[in-house]
Amino acid sequence: MREHDFMLVKDLPLEIRMNTRFYDSLHTIAISDVFVVKHRAKFMSVDVYSNELGNLKKGFNYYGITIYTPEMAEELKKTFIGAKPTKSQNMIRDYEALMDILDRAIDEQVYLVHLGI
């Protein structure tokens, strides 16, 4: 199954890369591609930084790096409130993991980084 890695980082490395070993991650989760595709419109509705800070775009970089500031993470969280799946255990797990990592990004005031599929 294909998965998307999301990680919390306090500081971004000087050179942003797709490999997790370049990040000093505070917490990492993997969310299924099925969940991401099903909720694509929600992910695409938020302004994010794509591949580097300063490259502000609308939406989610499916194959590349997406960087969420705590404020952007809060906006993404708003799009998911009330959208908790009720049937599939895998979708429920992914939803809860995403909401948890969004809460942590907001509360701890750290970046949330998505590494493309």
C-alpha atoms as a PDB file:
ATOM      1  CA  MET A   1       0.000   0.000   0.000  1.00  0.00           C
ATOM      2  CA  ARG A   2       1.287   3.447  -0.893  1.00  0.00           C
ATOM      3  CA  GLU A   3       1.650   5.894   1.967  1.00  0.00           C
ATOM      4  CA  HIS A   4       2.328   9.564   2.564  1.00  0.00           C
ATOM      5  CA  ASP A   5       4.767  10.478   5.332  1.00  0.00           C
ATOM      6  CA  PHE A   6       4.012  13.501   7.488  1.00  0.00           C
ATOM      7  CA  MET A   7       6.461  14.724  10.114  1.00  0.00           C
ATOM      8  CA  LEU A   8       6.740  17.468  12.671  1.00  0.00           C
ATOM      9  CA  VAL A   9       9.960  19.455  12.620  1.00  0.00           C
ATOM     10  CA  LYS A  10      11.037  22.439  14.667  1.00  0.00           C
ATOM     11  CA  ASP A  11      13.533  23.639  12.081  1.00  0.00           C
ATOM     12  CA  LEU A  12      13.720  22.873   8.384  1.00  0.00           C
ATOM     13  CA  PRO A  13      17.066  21.677   7.010  1.00  0.00           C
ATOM     14  CA  LEU A  14      18.962  24.123   4.799  1.00  0.00           C
ATOM     15  CA  GLU A  15      18.326  21.880   1.823  1.00  0.00           C
ATOM     16  CA  ILE A  16      14.855  20.393   1.768  1.00  0.00           C
ATOM     17  CA  ARG A  17      14.890  16.791   0.557  1.00  0.00           C
ATOM     18  CA  MET A  18      12.504  13.902   0.118  1.00  0.00           C
ATOM     19  CA  ASN A  19      14.458  11.600   2.433  1.00  0.00           C
ATOM     20  CA  THR A  20      13.391  11.558   6.097  1.00  0.00           C
ATOM     21  CA  ARG A  21      16.963  11.102   7.313  1.00  0.00           C
ATOM     22  CA  PHE A  22      17.656  14.787   6.562  1.00  0.00           C
ATOM     23  CA  TYR A  23      15.071  15.934   9.116  1.00  0.00           C
ATOM     24  CA  ASP A  24      15.232  16.090  12.887  1.00  0.00           C
ATOM     25  CA  SER A  25      11.698  14.804  13.255  1.00  0.00           C
ATOM     26  CA  LEU A  26       9.737  15.261  16.471  1.00  0.00           C
ATOM     27  CA  HIS A  27       7.025  12.830  15.314  1.00  0.00           C
ATOM     28  CA  THR A  28       6.229  11.012  12.058  1.00  0.00           C
ATOM     29  CA  ILE A  29       3.085   9.338  10.743  1.00  0.00           C
ATOM     30  CA  ALA A  30       2.173   7.529   7.541  1.00  0.00           C
ATOM     31  CA  ILE A  31      -1.253   8.010   5.991  1.00  0.00           C
ATOM     32  CA  SER A  32      -2.593   5.778   3.247  1.00  0.00           C
ATOM     33  CA  ASP A  33      -2.823   7.056  -0.284  1.00  0.00           C
ATOM     34  CA  VAL A  34      -6.465   5.922  -0.278  1.00  0.00           C
ATOM     35  CA  PHE A  35      -7.216   8.435   2.508  1.00  0.00           C
ATOM     36  CA  VAL A  36      -5.315  11.239   0.774  1.00  0.00           C
ATOM     37  CA  VAL A  37      -7.037  10.643  -2.573  1.00  0.00           C
ATOM     38  CA  LYS A  38     -10.495  10.443  -0.953  1.00  0.00           C
ATOM     39  CA  HIS A  39      -9.893  13.767   0.810  1.00  0.00           C
ATOM     40  CA  ARG A  40      -7.951  15.444  -1.996  1.00  0.00           C
ATOM     41  CA  ALA A  41     -10.288  18.451  -2.140  1.00  0.00           C
ATOM     42  CA  LYS A  42      -9.672  19.178   1.539  1.00  0.00           C
ATOM     43  CA  PHE A  43      -5.892  18.962   1.120  1.00  0.00           C
ATOM     44  CA  MET A  44      -6.068  21.153  -2.008  1.00  0.00           C
ATOM     45  CA  SER A  45      -8.106  23.907  -0.302  1.00  0.00           C
ATOM     46  CA  VAL A  46      -5.283  25.226   1.904  1.00  0.00           C
ATOM     47  CA  ASP A  47      -2.387  27.505   0.994  1.00  0.00           C
ATOM     48  CA  VAL A  48       0.940  25.726   1.591  1.00  0.00           C
ATOM     49  CA  TYR A  49       4.604  26.047   0.795  1.00  0.00           C
ATOM     50  CA  SER A  50       5.596  23.712  -2.010  1.00  0.00           C
ATOM     51  CA  ASN A  51       9.128  22.258  -1.988  1.00  0.00           C
ATOM     52  CA  GLU A  52      10.576  25.283  -0.138  1.00  0.00           C
ATOM     53  CA  LEU A  53       9.585  28.135   2.140  1.00  0.00           C
ATOM     54  CA  GLY A  54       8.552  31.142   0.094  1.00  0.00           C
ATOM     55  CA  ASN A  55       6.973  29.089  -2.701  1.00  0.00           C
ATOM     56  CA  LEU A  56       3.369  29.650  -1.613  1.00  0.00           C
ATOM     57  CA  LYS A  57       0.750  27.696  -3.550  1.00  0.00           C
ATOM     58  CA  LYS A  58      -2.810  26.565  -3.158  1.00  0.00           C
ATOM     59  CA  GLY A  59      -3.029  22.873  -2.448  1.00  0.00           C
ATOM     60  CA  PHE A  60      -1.055  19.801  -1.738  1.00  0.00           C
ATOM     61  CA  ASN A  61       2.118  18.647  -3.490  1.00  0.00           C
ATOM     62  CA  TYR A  62       1.189  15.007  -4.077  1.00  0.00           C
ATOM     63  CA  TYR A  63       4.594  13.930  -5.428  1.00  0.00           C
ATOM     64  CA  GLY A  64       6.778  16.555  -3.793  1.00  0.00           C
ATOM     65  CA  ILE A  65       7.258  18.269  -0.467  1.00  0.00           C
ATOM     66  CA  THR A  66       4.478  20.226   1.210  1.00  0.00           C
ATOM     67  CA  ILE A  67       5.313  22.461   4.168  1.00  0.00           C
ATOM     68  CA  TYR A  68       2.620  23.621   6.587  1.00  0.00           C
ATOM     69  CA  THR A  69       3.255  26.367   9.119  1.00  0.00           C
ATOM     70  CA  PRO A  70       1.234  26.057  12.348  1.00  0.00           C
ATOM     71  CA  GLU A  71      -1.286  28.514  10.870  1.00  0.00           C
ATOM     72  CA  MET A  72      -1.608  26.445   7.698  1.00  0.00           C
ATOM     73  CA  ALA A  73      -2.002  23.295   9.792  1.00  0.00           C
ATOM     74  CA  GLU A  74      -4.855  24.996  11.628  1.00  0.00           C
ATOM     75  CA  GLU A  75      -6.562  25.820   8.324  1.00  0.00           C
ATOM     76  CA  LEU A  76      -6.193  22.219   7.160  1.00  0.00           C
ATOM     77  CA  LYS A  77      -7.614  20.962  10.447  1.00  0.00           C
ATOM     78  CA  LYS A  78     -10.704  23.150   9.965  1.00  0.00           C
ATOM     79  CA  THR A  79     -11.409  21.461   6.627  1.00  0.00           C
ATOM     80  CA  PHE A  80     -11.400  18.020   8.305  1.00  0.00           C
ATOM     81  CA  ILE A  81     -13.577  18.828  11.336  1.00  0.00           C
ATOM     82  CA  GLY A  82     -16.762  16.817  11.084  1.00  0.00           C
ATOM     83  CA  ALA A  83     -15.365  14.565   8.346  1.00  0.00           C
ATOM     84  CA  LYS A  84     -14.395  11.582  10.523  1.00  0.00           C
ATOM     85  CA  PRO A  85     -15.018   8.323   8.662  1.00  0.00           C
ATOM     86  CA  THR A  86     -17.342   5.863  10.365  1.00  0.00           C
ATOM     87  CA  LYS A  87     -16.932   2.538   8.567  1.00  0.00           C
ATOM     88  CA  SER A  88     -13.378   1.692   7.539  1.00  0.00           C
ATOM     89  CA  GLN A  89     -10.974   1.116  10.433  1.00  0.00           C
ATOM     90  CA  ASN A  90      -8.040   2.130   8.224  1.00  0.00           C
ATOM     91  CA  MET A  91      -9.707   5.421   7.271  1.00  0.00           C
ATOM     92  CA  ILE A  92     -10.583   6.116  10.917  1.00  0.00           C
ATOM     93  CA  ARG A  93      -6.971   5.416  11.927  1.00  0.00           C
ATOM     94  CA  ASP A  94      -5.642   7.764   9.216  1.00  0.00           C
ATOM     95  CA  TYR A  95      -8.123  10.502  10.162  1.00  0.00           C
ATOM     96  CA  GLU A  96      -7.208  10.294  13.849  1.00  0.00           C
ATOM     97  CA  ALA A  97      -3.469  10.243  13.087  1.00  0.00           C
ATOM     98  CA  LEU A  98      -3.822  13.311  10.846  1.00  0.00           C
ATOM     99  CA  MET A  99      -5.889  15.238  13.373  1.00  0.00           C
ATOM    100  CA  ASP A 100      -3.393  14.362  16.115  1.00  0.00           C
ATOM    101  CA  ILE A 101      -0.377  15.536  14.146  1.00  0.00           C
ATOM    102  CA  LEU A 102      -2.210  18.724  13.099  1.00  0.00           C
ATOM    103  CA  ASP A 103      -3.024  19.431  16.756  1.00  0.00           C
ATOM    104  CA  ARG A 104       0.608  18.899  17.708  1.00  0.00           C
ATOM    105  CA  ALA A 105       1.861  21.206  14.923  1.00  0.00           C
ATOM    106  CA  ILE A 106      -0.510  23.911  16.154  1.00  0.00           C
ATOM    107  CA  ASP A 107       0.103  23.420  19.887  1.00  0.00           C
ATOM    108  CA  GLU A 108       3.883  23.074  19.632  1.00  0.00           C
ATOM    109  CA  GLN A 109       4.214  25.782  16.927  1.00  0.00           C
ATOM    110  CA  VAL A 110       6.301  23.583  14.606  1.00  0.00           C
ATOM    111  CA  TYR A 111       6.285  22.811  10.899  1.00  0.00           C
ATOM    112  CA  LEU A 112       4.344  19.887   9.468  1.00  0.00           C
ATOM    113  CA  VAL A 113       6.154  18.470   6.438  1.00  0.00           C
ATOM    114  CA  HIS A 114       4.595  16.078   3.935  1.00  0.00           C
ATOM    115  CA  LEU A 115       6.985  14.077   1.814  1.00  0.00           C
ATOM    116  CA  GLY A 116       5.330  13.135  -1.478  1.00  0.00           C
ATOM    117  CA  ILE A 117       4.300   9.652  -2.293  1.00  0.00           C
END
